[in-house]
Amino acid sequence: RFHGEGYQEGFAEGSHAGMAEGRRYGALHGARIGSEIGCYLGFALTWHYLLQKCADEKNSKKIRALDSLVGMIQKFPYEDPTYDKLQEDLEKIRGKFKQVCSMLNIQSDFRIGTERSSLTF
């Protein structure tokens, strides 16, 4: 009887602690992804604006790649944490970002630290 009661109490306590830890982890992980995606979008919109000022054949290819990156970011399912291809789509966005950086001859380094996130060039 004592074993059963102890098990039930421990199970309830562990479930409660697990839910709290899961919420904290989810909020932190979601904030990191949001910060990363936000940096990519700001980067893409800024470069798109700069390249439109001097549109030539070379820049049109870069602009198309930037448009593609912006489109991928806009289609990203921010509101659906149960989306089954979330990681896959995030990796595609990261790959497109690296491709755009390569086209622009920019060395990119996105780091997320405990203090702040940064995008350096």
C-alpha atoms as a PDB file:
ATOM      1  CA  ARG A   1       0.000   0.000   0.000  1.00  0.00           C
ATOM      2  CA  PHE A   2       2.785   2.477   0.974  1.00  0.00           C
ATOM      3  CA  HIS A   3       4.694   1.572  -2.131  1.00  0.00           C
ATOM      4  CA  GLY A   4       1.642   2.307  -4.293  1.00  0.00           C
ATOM      5  CA  GLU A   5       0.913   5.618  -2.574  1.00  0.00           C
ATOM      6  CA  GLY A   6       4.564   6.685  -2.841  1.00  0.00           C
ATOM      7  CA  TYR A   7       4.590   5.786  -6.497  1.00  0.00           C
ATOM      8  CA  GLN A   8       1.448   7.835  -7.174  1.00  0.00           C
ATOM      9  CA  GLU A   9       2.803  10.871  -5.308  1.00  0.00           C
ATOM     10  CA  GLY A  10       6.157  10.618  -7.064  1.00  0.00           C
ATOM     11  CA  PHE A  11       4.509  10.213 -10.444  1.00  0.00           C
ATOM     12  CA  ALA A  12       2.318  13.298  -9.907  1.00  0.00           C
ATOM     13  CA  GLU A  13       5.310  15.358  -8.703  1.00  0.00           C
ATOM     14  CA  GLY A  14       7.466  14.217 -11.635  1.00  0.00           C
ATOM     15  CA  SER A  15       4.724  14.973 -14.146  1.00  0.00           C
ATOM     16  CA  HIS A  16       4.331  18.486 -12.781  1.00  0.00           C
ATOM     17  CA  ALA A  17       8.097  19.129 -12.786  1.00  0.00           C
ATOM     18  CA  GLY A  18       8.400  17.700 -16.306  1.00  0.00           C
ATOM     19  CA  MET A  19       5.678  19.979 -17.638  1.00  0.00           C
ATOM     20  CA  ALA A  20       7.354  23.055 -16.139  1.00  0.00           C
ATOM     21  CA  GLU A  21      10.741  22.046 -17.528  1.00  0.00           C
ATOM     22  CA  GLY A  22       9.190  21.345 -20.932  1.00  0.00           C
ATOM     23  CA  ARG A  23       7.571  24.776 -21.035  1.00  0.00           C
ATOM     24  CA  ARG A  24      10.856  26.491 -20.171  1.00  0.00           C
ATOM     25  CA  TYR A  25      12.732  24.503 -22.803  1.00  0.00           C
ATOM     26  CA  GLY A  26      10.064  25.176 -25.422  1.00  0.00           C
ATOM     27  CA  ALA A  27      10.038  28.904 -24.736  1.00  0.00           C
ATOM     28  CA  LEU A  28      13.834  29.129 -24.886  1.00  0.00           C
ATOM     29  CA  HIS A  29      14.114  27.025 -28.041  1.00  0.00           C
ATOM     30  CA  GLY A  30      11.283  28.941 -29.718  1.00  0.00           C
ATOM     31  CA  ALA A  31      12.922  32.263 -28.874  1.00  0.00           C
ATOM     32  CA  ARG A  32      16.208  31.087 -30.384  1.00  0.00           C
ATOM     33  CA  ILE A  33      14.543  30.003 -33.612  1.00  0.00           C
ATOM     34  CA  GLY A  34      12.573  33.246 -33.765  1.00  0.00           C
ATOM     35  CA  SER A  35      15.728  35.290 -33.283  1.00  0.00           C
ATOM     36  CA  GLU A  36      17.559  33.361 -35.972  1.00  0.00           C
ATOM     37  CA  ILE A  37      14.717  33.640 -38.484  1.00  0.00           C
ATOM     38  CA  GLY A  38      14.295  37.341 -37.671  1.00  0.00           C
ATOM     39  CA  CYS A  39      17.960  38.000 -38.390  1.00  0.00           C
ATOM     40  CA  TYR A  40      17.693  36.179 -41.709  1.00  0.00           C
ATOM     41  CA  LEU A  41      14.626  38.197 -42.696  1.00  0.00           C
ATOM     42  CA  GLY A  42      16.219  41.531 -41.758  1.00  0.00           C
ATOM     43  CA  PHE A  43      19.359  40.572 -43.638  1.00  0.00           C
ATOM     44  CA  ALA A  44      17.420  39.562 -46.753  1.00  0.00           C
ATOM     45  CA  LEU A  45      15.182  42.639 -46.812  1.00  0.00           C
ATOM     46  CA  THR A  46      18.132  44.994 -46.321  1.00  0.00           C
ATOM     47  CA  TRP A  47      20.182  43.434 -49.099  1.00  0.00           C
ATOM     48  CA  HIS A  48      17.153  43.303 -51.380  1.00  0.00           C
ATOM     49  CA  TYR A  49      16.666  47.033 -50.905  1.00  0.00           C
ATOM     50  CA  LEU A  50      20.357  47.785 -51.504  1.00  0.00           C
ATOM     51  CA  LEU A  51      20.602  45.656 -54.647  1.00  0.00           C
ATOM     52  CA  GLN A  52      17.460  47.137 -56.215  1.00  0.00           C
ATOM     53  CA  LYS A  53      19.148  50.532 -56.374  1.00  0.00           C
ATOM     54  CA  CYS A  54      21.679  49.280 -58.933  1.00  0.00           C
ATOM     55  CA  ALA A  55      19.792  46.564 -60.785  1.00  0.00           C
ATOM     56  CA  ASP A  56      21.833  44.831 -63.460  1.00  0.00           C
ATOM     57  CA  GLU A  57      22.103  41.236 -64.675  1.00  0.00           C
ATOM     58  CA  LYS A  58      24.442  40.187 -61.851  1.00  0.00           C
ATOM     59  CA  ASN A  59      22.228  41.676 -59.190  1.00  0.00           C
ATOM     60  CA  SER A  60      19.014  40.239 -60.637  1.00  0.00           C
ATOM     61  CA  LYS A  61      20.205  36.708 -59.797  1.00  0.00           C
ATOM     62  CA  LYS A  62      21.034  37.811 -56.254  1.00  0.00           C
ATOM     63  CA  ILE A  63      17.665  39.547 -55.923  1.00  0.00           C
ATOM     64  CA  ARG A  64      15.865  36.370 -57.036  1.00  0.00           C
ATOM     65  CA  ALA A  65      17.763  34.366 -54.399  1.00  0.00           C
ATOM     66  CA  LEU A  66      16.864  36.958 -51.758  1.00  0.00           C
ATOM     67  CA  ASP A  67      13.210  36.827 -52.867  1.00  0.00           C
ATOM     68  CA  SER A  68      13.306  33.068 -52.485  1.00  0.00           C
ATOM     69  CA  LEU A  69      14.741  33.368 -48.961  1.00  0.00           C
ATOM     70  CA  VAL A  70      12.099  35.928 -47.964  1.00  0.00           C
ATOM     71  CA  GLY A  71       9.377  33.679 -49.387  1.00  0.00           C
ATOM     72  CA  MET A  72      10.644  30.686 -47.422  1.00  0.00           C
ATOM     73  CA  ILE A  73      10.706  32.734 -44.229  1.00  0.00           C
ATOM     74  CA  GLN A  74       7.195  34.063 -44.812  1.00  0.00           C
ATOM     75  CA  LYS A  75       5.872  30.517 -45.298  1.00  0.00           C
ATOM     76  CA  PHE A  76       7.575  29.263 -42.118  1.00  0.00           C
ATOM     77  CA  PRO A  77       4.902  28.021 -39.642  1.00  0.00           C
ATOM     78  CA  TYR A  78       5.607  30.224 -36.600  1.00  0.00           C
ATOM     79  CA  GLU A  79       2.276  29.492 -34.954  1.00  0.00           C
ATOM     80  CA  ASP A  80       2.287  25.697 -35.237  1.00  0.00           C
ATOM     81  CA  PRO A  81       4.741  23.968 -32.870  1.00  0.00           C
ATOM     82  CA  THR A  82       3.384  20.558 -33.914  1.00  0.00           C
ATOM     83  CA  TYR A  83       4.323  21.076 -37.583  1.00  0.00           C
ATOM     84  CA  ASP A  84       6.101  17.851 -38.493  1.00  0.00           C
ATOM     85  CA  LYS A  85       8.565  19.379 -40.979  1.00  0.00           C
ATOM     86  CA  LEU A  86       9.625  22.315 -38.788  1.00  0.00           C
ATOM     87  CA  GLN A  87      13.272  21.229 -38.511  1.00  0.00           C
ATOM     88  CA  GLU A  88      13.411  20.322 -42.195  1.00  0.00           C
ATOM     89  CA  ASP A  89      12.085  23.733 -43.268  1.00  0.00           C
ATOM     90  CA  LEU A  90      14.438  25.485 -40.853  1.00  0.00           C
ATOM     91  CA  GLU A  91      17.395  23.644 -42.387  1.00  0.00           C
ATOM     92  CA  LYS A  92      16.240  24.682 -45.872  1.00  0.00           C
ATOM     93  CA  ILE A  93      16.107  28.324 -44.750  1.00  0.00           C
ATOM     94  CA  ARG A  94      19.589  28.032 -43.259  1.00  0.00           C
ATOM     95  CA  GLY A  95      20.865  26.517 -46.503  1.00  0.00           C
ATOM     96  CA  LYS A  96      19.289  29.262 -48.610  1.00  0.00           C
ATOM     97  CA  PHE A  97      20.779  31.887 -46.285  1.00  0.00           C
ATOM     98  CA  LYS A  98      24.254  30.370 -46.739  1.00  0.00           C
ATOM     99  CA  GLN A  99      23.729  30.301 -50.499  1.00  0.00           C
ATOM    100  CA  VAL A 100      22.747  33.986 -50.526  1.00  0.00           C
ATOM    101  CA  CYS A 101      25.757  34.892 -48.380  1.00  0.00           C
ATOM    102  CA  SER A 102      27.997  33.040 -50.813  1.00  0.00           C
ATOM    103  CA  MET A 103      26.477  34.894 -53.766  1.00  0.00           C
ATOM    104  CA  LEU A 104      27.034  38.213 -51.981  1.00  0.00           C
ATOM    105  CA  ASN A 105      30.601  37.261 -50.973  1.00  0.00           C
ATOM    106  CA  ILE A 106      29.753  37.624 -47.300  1.00  0.00           C
ATOM    107  CA  GLN A 107      31.155  35.437 -44.549  1.00  0.00           C
ATOM    108  CA  SER A 108      28.235  34.722 -42.247  1.00  0.00           C
ATOM    109  CA  ASP A 109      28.344  33.487 -38.691  1.00  0.00           C
ATOM    110  CA  PHE A 110      25.088  33.243 -36.741  1.00  0.00           C
ATOM    111  CA  ARG A 111      25.688  32.537 -33.068  1.00  0.00           C
ATOM    112  CA  ILE A 112      23.218  32.262 -30.246  1.00  0.00           C
ATOM    113  CA  GLY A 113      24.755  32.796 -26.863  1.00  0.00           C
ATOM    114  CA  THR A 114      23.333  33.226 -23.398  1.00  0.00           C
ATOM    115  CA  GLU A 115      23.826  36.979 -23.527  1.00  0.00           C
ATOM    116  CA  ARG A 116      22.577  37.815 -27.027  1.00  0.00           C
ATOM    117  CA  SER A 117      22.328  36.547 -30.559  1.00  0.00           C
ATOM    118  CA  SER A 118      24.405  38.101 -33.259  1.00  0.00           C
ATOM    119  CA  LEU A 119      24.983  37.982 -36.964  1.00  0.00           C
ATOM    120  CA  THR A 120      28.494  39.008 -37.914  1.00  0.00           C
ATOM    121  CA  PHE A 121      30.011  39.707 -41.270  1.00  0.00           C
END
